[in-house]
Amino acid sequence: MPDISDSQAASQLVNGYQKLRAELSKRIVGQEDVIEQVFIAMAAGGHALLEGVPGLAKTLLVKSFADAIHLTFRRIQFTPDLMPADITGTEIIQEDEQTGRRKMVFLRGPIFSQIILADEINRTPPKTQAALLEAMQERSVTVGQETFILPRPFFVLATQNPIEQEGTYPLPEAQKDRFLFLIRVAYPTRDDEREILARTTGIAGDDIQPVLSGEDLQQAQALARRVPVPDHVTDFVLDLVRATRTTEAGVSSYVKQMVGWGAGPRASQHLILSSKVRALLRGRTHVTMDDVEALATPVLRHRLVPTFHAEAEGVTVDHIVKHLLENTKRPSGKVM
């Protein structure tokens, strides 16, 4: 493929995203913000956790993404009896046809795909969750003395139901931190729900055609890292994330009351990376504070631990992030 300029690559990214949205609209009604955030996570090279009550098409959305992108796809239904080897794979005894000797051969599990749908990730025990999350972080699987590299690009899109607590295993905060976004899938509007009824109770719609490739996403990931970030935007990200930590000097009394544990450096990294992709999707060659403010909530909502006082007062993490955005000083700076 001939070399192209960054501006041409950015235009191709925007065109590809528009085509992707057009294909997804054949199955998915509304959910524009959710679709954009999932794509931003993938174009930034990260993983996403989708949270919503049953029946909001979380699984269908992920499956539709896989259909619209020419990548290998596997769905893993998480259950209480799922074992780590059911995800990563296991060694089996196999007889060599030529020598007749038996040897151990590694049989690869479903994790060896490019898009993984981890359905209801909070329904499986921590041991199995850890196997998936380790693969997410290392992008490899180690069995015995041998390490197997996972295919590239590699994305985990996990779903969980926030209302059922019995028989579930909530992800530890340290493991949630490996997801770039926690995306909340809300109820549809009345008009969207009417359209959903018309589509799902009538004649089946058109099939989704692949419009992007793994190479397209890898180029998007490389392009995003070259997007410049003005110093005043970096300062804003640092001020915002550090304001979540109760150990920081000058932290507000509100944060001390409402936040038990703040966000770590990975939040700043993910906020910058995802803001770069959002800037590209909007035809800009630099990041603005609008990008940061738009993505602060999905980046931070799974990285803050509210206090008991906050829960007793009905203050959610989203409320805390909104307060931080409203009270973090905007550094002055020229737009590049």
Protein backbone atom coordinates (compact mmCIF):
# COMPACT_ATOMS: atom_id res chain seq x y z
CA MET A 1 0.00 0.00 0.00
CA PRO A 2 1.55 3.39 -0.95
CA ASP A 3 2.50 5.83 1.79
CA ILE A 4 -0.11 8.50 2.48
CA SER A 5 0.01 11.70 4.49
CA ASP A 6 -1.50 11.99 7.94
CA SER A 7 -4.25 14.25 6.59
CA GLN A 8 -5.18 11.62 4.00
CA ALA A 9 -5.10 8.92 6.67
CA ALA A 10 -7.37 11.05 8.88
CA SER A 11 -9.84 11.48 6.01
CA GLN A 12 -9.83 7.73 5.41
CA LEU A 13 -10.50 7.15 9.11
CA VAL A 14 -13.51 9.49 9.08
CA ASN A 15 -14.87 7.91 5.89
CA GLY A 16 -14.41 4.44 7.32
CA TYR A 17 -16.19 5.40 10.50
CA GLN A 18 -19.12 6.84 8.57
CA LYS A 19 -19.41 3.64 6.55
CA LEU A 20 -19.27 1.63 9.77
CA ARG A 21 -22.09 3.66 11.30
CA ALA A 22 -24.18 3.20 8.16
CA GLU A 23 -23.75 -0.58 8.36
CA LEU A 24 -24.49 -0.70 12.09
CA SER A 25 -27.68 1.31 11.55
CA LYS A 26 -29.11 -1.71 9.71
CA ARG A 27 -29.40 -3.44 13.10
CA ILE A 28 -28.82 -0.86 15.82
CA VAL A 29 -31.34 1.93 16.42
CA GLY A 30 -30.00 5.06 18.12
CA GLN A 31 -27.13 4.57 20.60
CA GLU A 32 -24.94 7.02 18.65
CA ASP A 33 -22.79 7.85 21.68
CA VAL A 34 -22.29 4.17 22.53
CA ILE A 35 -21.26 3.35 18.96
CA GLU A 36 -18.82 6.25 18.86
CA GLN A 37 -17.26 5.33 22.20
CA VAL A 38 -16.82 1.66 21.22
CA PHE A 39 -15.13 2.72 17.98
CA ILE A 40 -12.92 5.24 19.78
CA ALA A 41 -11.81 2.54 22.22
CA MET A 42 -10.89 0.22 19.35
CA ALA A 43 -9.15 2.95 17.32
CA ALA A 44 -7.16 3.85 20.44
CA GLY A 45 -6.12 0.20 20.85
CA GLY A 46 -8.09 -0.36 24.04
CA HIS A 47 -10.87 -2.54 25.42
CA ALA A 48 -14.37 -1.51 26.46
CA LEU A 49 -16.82 -2.65 29.13
CA LEU A 50 -20.51 -2.14 28.24
CA GLU A 51 -22.91 -1.93 31.16
CA GLY A 52 -26.69 -1.95 30.90
CA VAL A 53 -29.82 -3.80 31.89
CA PRO A 54 -30.96 -6.82 29.82
CA GLY A 55 -32.55 -6.24 26.45
CA LEU A 56 -30.62 -3.14 25.38
CA ALA A 57 -28.80 -4.93 22.52
CA LYS A 58 -25.34 -4.88 24.10
CA THR A 59 -24.50 -8.30 22.70
CA LEU A 60 -26.08 -7.46 19.34
CA LEU A 61 -24.03 -4.25 19.17
CA VAL A 62 -20.74 -6.06 19.70
CA LYS A 63 -21.69 -8.81 17.23
CA SER A 64 -22.62 -6.12 14.68
CA PHE A 65 -19.24 -4.44 15.14
CA ALA A 66 -17.58 -7.77 14.45
CA ASP A 67 -19.67 -8.24 11.31
CA ALA A 68 -18.80 -4.75 10.04
CA ILE A 69 -15.05 -5.18 10.60
CA HIS A 70 -13.16 -7.90 8.77
CA LEU A 71 -11.68 -9.56 11.88
CA THR A 72 -11.98 -12.98 13.49
CA PHE A 73 -14.62 -13.02 16.20
CA ARG A 74 -15.54 -15.28 19.12
CA ARG A 75 -18.22 -14.94 21.75
CA ILE A 76 -17.53 -16.31 25.22
CA GLN A 77 -20.59 -16.70 27.44
CA PHE A 78 -19.32 -16.32 30.98
CA THR A 79 -20.87 -18.70 33.51
CA PRO A 80 -20.02 -19.71 37.11
CA ASP A 81 -18.49 -23.00 35.95
CA LEU A 82 -16.24 -21.51 33.25
CA MET A 83 -12.57 -22.31 33.82
CA PRO A 84 -9.48 -20.36 32.66
CA ALA A 85 -8.54 -23.14 30.23
CA ASP A 86 -11.96 -22.76 28.59
CA ILE A 87 -10.80 -19.29 27.51
CA THR A 88 -7.08 -19.56 26.93
CA GLY A 89 -6.86 -23.18 25.81
CA THR A 90 -5.34 -26.34 27.22
CA GLU A 91 -2.67 -28.94 26.53
CA ILE A 92 -3.78 -32.31 25.20
CA ILE A 93 -1.92 -35.55 24.54
CA GLN A 94 -1.54 -36.26 20.83
CA GLU A 95 0.15 -39.12 19.05
CA ASP A 96 2.72 -38.30 16.36
CA GLU A 97 1.66 -40.08 13.15
CA GLN A 98 5.26 -40.60 12.00
CA THR A 99 7.00 -41.71 15.20
CA GLY A 100 4.02 -43.07 17.12
CA ARG A 101 5.18 -41.18 20.20
CA ARG A 102 2.83 -39.19 22.33
CA LYS A 103 3.43 -35.51 23.01
CA MET A 104 1.69 -32.58 24.61
CA VAL A 105 0.07 -30.19 22.13
CA PHE A 106 -1.52 -26.87 23.01
CA LEU A 107 -5.12 -26.58 21.81
CA ARG A 108 -5.89 -22.87 21.44
CA GLY A 109 -8.98 -21.48 23.12
CA PRO A 110 -11.44 -18.82 21.90
CA ILE A 111 -9.19 -16.02 23.20
CA PHE A 112 -7.13 -16.46 20.00
CA SER A 113 -9.42 -14.21 17.98
CA GLN A 114 -9.22 -10.52 17.15
CA ILE A 115 -12.55 -9.44 18.63
CA ILE A 116 -13.70 -11.15 21.82
CA LEU A 117 -17.21 -10.68 23.17
CA ALA A 118 -16.95 -11.43 26.89
CA ASP A 119 -20.66 -11.74 27.58
CA GLU A 120 -21.74 -11.15 31.19
CA ILE A 121 -18.17 -11.02 32.45
CA ASN A 122 -19.32 -10.60 36.05
CA ARG A 123 -20.97 -14.05 36.09
CA THR A 124 -17.71 -16.01 36.21
CA PRO A 125 -15.36 -16.47 39.20
CA PRO A 126 -12.30 -14.21 39.72
CA LYS A 127 -9.87 -16.95 38.60
CA THR A 128 -11.44 -17.03 35.13
CA GLN A 129 -11.83 -13.25 34.98
CA ALA A 130 -8.11 -12.94 35.77
CA ALA A 131 -7.17 -15.23 32.88
CA LEU A 132 -9.04 -13.02 30.43
CA LEU A 133 -7.79 -9.76 31.92
CA GLU A 134 -4.18 -10.96 31.89
CA ALA A 135 -4.51 -11.78 28.19
CA MET A 136 -6.01 -8.32 27.63
CA GLN A 137 -3.03 -6.65 29.27
CA GLU A 138 -0.19 -8.81 27.96
CA ARG A 139 -1.80 -9.71 24.62
CA SER A 140 -0.33 -13.16 25.05
CA VAL A 141 -1.07 -16.44 26.82
CA THR A 142 1.54 -18.43 28.75
CA VAL A 143 1.07 -22.19 29.17
CA GLY A 144 3.82 -24.05 30.95
CA GLN A 145 7.13 -22.76 29.57
CA GLU A 146 5.71 -21.47 26.30
CA THR A 147 4.16 -18.09 25.46
CA PHE A 148 1.65 -17.72 22.64
CA ILE A 149 1.11 -14.29 21.09
CA LEU A 150 -2.49 -13.27 20.48
CA PRO A 151 -3.50 -12.04 17.01
CA ARG A 152 -3.29 -8.32 16.24
CA PRO A 153 -5.30 -6.20 16.48
CA PHE A 154 -6.92 -7.62 19.60
CA PHE A 155 -9.99 -6.20 21.34
CA VAL A 156 -12.11 -7.37 24.25
CA LEU A 157 -15.63 -5.95 24.39
CA ALA A 158 -17.22 -7.14 27.62
CA THR A 159 -20.79 -6.76 28.87
CA GLN A 160 -22.25 -6.81 32.34
CA ASN A 161 -25.64 -6.36 33.99
CA PRO A 162 -25.52 -3.74 36.79
CA ILE A 163 -28.79 -4.65 38.53
CA GLU A 164 -28.22 -8.30 39.42
CA GLN A 165 -25.84 -8.93 42.34
CA GLU A 166 -26.80 -12.46 43.38
CA GLY A 167 -24.62 -15.10 41.73
CA THR A 168 -22.23 -12.53 40.26
CA TYR A 169 -18.55 -11.74 40.82
CA PRO A 170 -17.98 -7.98 40.46
CA LEU A 171 -14.72 -7.11 38.75
CA PRO A 172 -12.06 -5.79 41.16
CA GLU A 173 -11.18 -2.12 40.66
CA ALA A 174 -7.64 -2.98 39.56
CA GLN A 175 -9.00 -5.19 36.80
CA LYS A 176 -11.60 -2.66 35.68
CA ASP A 177 -8.71 -0.26 35.16
CA ARG A 178 -7.59 -2.35 32.17
CA PHE A 179 -10.67 -1.29 30.24
CA LEU A 180 -10.25 2.00 28.42
CA PHE A 181 -13.96 2.85 28.75
CA LEU A 182 -16.88 1.83 30.90
CA ILE A 183 -19.78 2.59 28.55
CA ARG A 184 -23.28 2.88 29.96
CA VAL A 185 -25.99 1.67 27.60
CA ALA A 186 -29.20 3.55 28.40
CA TYR A 187 -32.84 2.87 27.58
CA PRO A 188 -33.88 3.97 24.07
CA THR A 189 -36.00 7.03 23.46
CA ARG A 190 -39.69 6.51 22.67
CA ASP A 191 -39.14 7.08 18.93
CA ASP A 192 -36.15 4.72 18.89
CA GLU A 193 -38.11 2.06 20.74
CA ARG A 194 -40.94 2.37 18.22
CA GLU A 195 -38.40 1.79 15.43
CA ILE A 196 -36.99 -1.19 17.31
CA LEU A 197 -40.45 -2.72 17.53
CA ALA A 198 -41.02 -2.20 13.81
CA ARG A 199 -37.72 -3.85 12.90
CA THR A 200 -37.79 -6.78 15.28
CA THR A 201 -41.40 -7.80 14.73
CA GLY A 202 -41.45 -7.41 10.96
CA ILE A 203 -39.42 -8.59 7.99
CA ALA A 204 -35.72 -9.25 8.68
CA GLY A 205 -33.38 -6.44 7.65
CA ASP A 206 -30.29 -6.42 5.47
CA ASP A 207 -27.11 -8.23 6.48
CA ILE A 208 -24.16 -6.15 7.65
CA GLN A 209 -21.20 -6.05 5.27
CA PRO A 210 -17.59 -5.60 6.44
CA VAL A 211 -16.35 -2.08 5.66
CA LEU A 212 -13.16 -1.93 7.76
CA SER A 213 -10.20 -4.25 8.18
CA GLY A 214 -7.70 -5.01 10.92
CA GLU A 215 -5.11 -3.03 8.97
CA ASP A 216 -7.43 0.00 8.97
CA LEU A 217 -7.68 -0.14 12.76
CA GLN A 218 -3.95 -0.58 13.22
CA GLN A 219 -3.34 2.44 10.99
CA ALA A 220 -5.86 4.39 13.06
CA GLN A 221 -4.04 3.43 16.26
CA ALA A 222 -0.71 4.58 14.82
CA LEU A 223 -2.24 7.80 13.47
CA ALA A 224 -3.88 8.67 16.80
CA ARG A 225 -0.54 8.55 18.60
CA ARG A 226 0.82 11.19 16.22
CA VAL A 227 -1.96 13.69 16.99
CA PRO A 228 -0.46 16.61 18.97
CA VAL A 229 -1.87 17.64 22.34
CA PRO A 230 -1.43 21.29 23.37
CA ASP A 231 0.23 21.82 26.75
CA HIS A 232 -2.84 23.48 28.24
CA VAL A 233 -4.96 20.43 27.35
CA THR A 234 -2.40 18.10 28.96
CA ASP A 235 -2.44 20.33 32.06
CA PHE A 236 -6.23 20.08 32.16
CA VAL A 237 -6.10 16.27 31.98
CA LEU A 238 -3.50 16.18 34.77
CA ASP A 239 -5.49 18.58 36.95
CA LEU A 240 -8.71 16.63 36.38
CA VAL A 241 -7.29 13.18 37.14
CA ARG A 242 -5.16 14.29 40.09
CA ALA A 243 -8.20 16.05 41.56
CA THR A 244 -9.76 12.61 42.12
CA ARG A 245 -7.04 11.61 44.61
CA THR A 246 -7.71 12.40 48.25
CA THR A 247 -3.97 12.33 48.98
CA GLU A 248 -3.31 15.31 46.66
CA ALA A 249 -2.58 18.66 48.25
CA GLY A 250 -5.43 21.12 47.86
CA VAL A 251 -8.04 18.49 46.97
CA SER A 252 -11.60 19.72 47.56
CA SER A 253 -13.62 18.76 50.63
CA TYR A 254 -16.26 17.34 48.24
CA VAL A 255 -13.77 14.82 46.87
CA LYS A 256 -12.59 13.89 50.36
CA GLN A 257 -16.19 13.19 51.34
CA MET A 258 -17.28 11.39 48.19
CA VAL A 259 -14.20 9.56 46.83
CA GLY A 260 -12.59 6.69 48.67
CA TRP A 261 -10.01 5.95 45.97
CA GLY A 262 -9.03 8.06 42.98
CA ALA A 263 -7.85 7.32 39.43
CA GLY A 264 -4.29 6.29 38.61
CA PRO A 265 -1.98 7.37 35.76
CA ARG A 266 -3.64 4.96 33.32
CA ALA A 267 -6.71 7.20 33.42
CA SER A 268 -4.65 10.12 32.13
CA GLN A 269 -3.10 7.96 29.41
CA HIS A 270 -6.46 6.64 28.24
CA LEU A 271 -8.08 10.07 28.36
CA ILE A 272 -5.37 11.55 26.14
CA LEU A 273 -5.41 8.61 23.68
CA SER A 274 -9.18 8.51 23.31
CA SER A 275 -9.36 12.30 22.96
CA LYS A 276 -6.90 12.07 20.05
CA VAL A 277 -9.21 9.66 18.22
CA ARG A 278 -12.25 11.84 18.91
CA ALA A 279 -10.42 14.86 17.50
CA LEU A 280 -9.65 12.93 14.30
CA LEU A 281 -13.28 11.85 13.93
CA ARG A 282 -14.28 15.50 14.07
CA GLY A 283 -11.82 16.53 11.37
CA ARG A 284 -9.29 18.16 13.68
CA THR A 285 -5.54 17.61 13.81
CA HIS A 286 -5.19 18.51 17.48
CA VAL A 287 -6.95 17.74 20.76
CA THR A 288 -9.14 20.32 22.48
CA MET A 289 -10.62 20.43 25.97
CA ASP A 290 -14.00 19.62 24.40
CA ASP A 291 -12.63 16.17 23.52
CA VAL A 292 -11.41 15.64 27.07
CA GLU A 293 -14.68 16.78 28.63
CA ALA A 294 -16.73 14.56 26.30
CA LEU A 295 -14.80 11.41 27.24
CA ALA A 296 -13.93 12.07 30.88
CA THR A 297 -16.96 10.20 32.21
CA PRO A 298 -16.48 6.85 30.38
CA VAL A 299 -12.76 6.99 31.20
CA LEU A 300 -13.14 7.80 34.90
CA ARG A 301 -16.42 6.18 35.99
CA HIS A 302 -14.88 2.74 36.60
CA ARG A 303 -11.70 4.11 38.17
CA LEU A 304 -13.23 6.02 41.09
CA VAL A 305 -14.40 4.27 44.25
CA PRO A 306 -17.14 6.26 46.01
CA THR A 307 -17.26 6.39 49.79
CA PHE A 308 -20.05 4.95 51.90
CA HIS A 309 -21.17 8.52 52.51
CA ALA A 310 -21.54 9.09 48.76
CA GLU A 311 -23.59 5.92 48.34
CA ALA A 312 -25.78 6.85 51.31
CA GLU A 313 -26.40 10.27 49.78
CA GLY A 314 -27.23 8.76 46.38
CA VAL A 315 -24.16 10.36 44.77
CA THR A 316 -22.97 8.26 41.82
CA VAL A 317 -19.56 8.25 40.18
CA ASP A 318 -21.06 10.10 37.21
CA HIS A 319 -22.16 12.86 39.60
CA ILE A 320 -18.62 13.06 40.98
CA VAL A 321 -17.07 13.30 37.50
CA LYS A 322 -19.55 16.03 36.56
CA HIS A 323 -18.60 17.97 39.70
CA LEU A 324 -14.90 17.61 38.89
CA LEU A 325 -15.40 18.84 35.32
CA GLU A 326 -17.34 21.85 36.55
CA ASN A 327 -14.75 22.73 39.19
CA THR A 328 -11.45 22.00 37.48
CA LYS A 329 -9.90 25.23 36.25
CA ARG A 330 -9.49 25.47 32.46
CA PRO A 331 -5.86 26.40 31.76
CA SER A 332 -5.47 29.14 29.15
CA GLY A 333 -3.66 28.32 25.95
CA LYS A 334 -3.66 28.88 22.23
CA VAL A 335 -5.29 26.39 19.91
CA MET A 336 -2.70 24.83 17.67
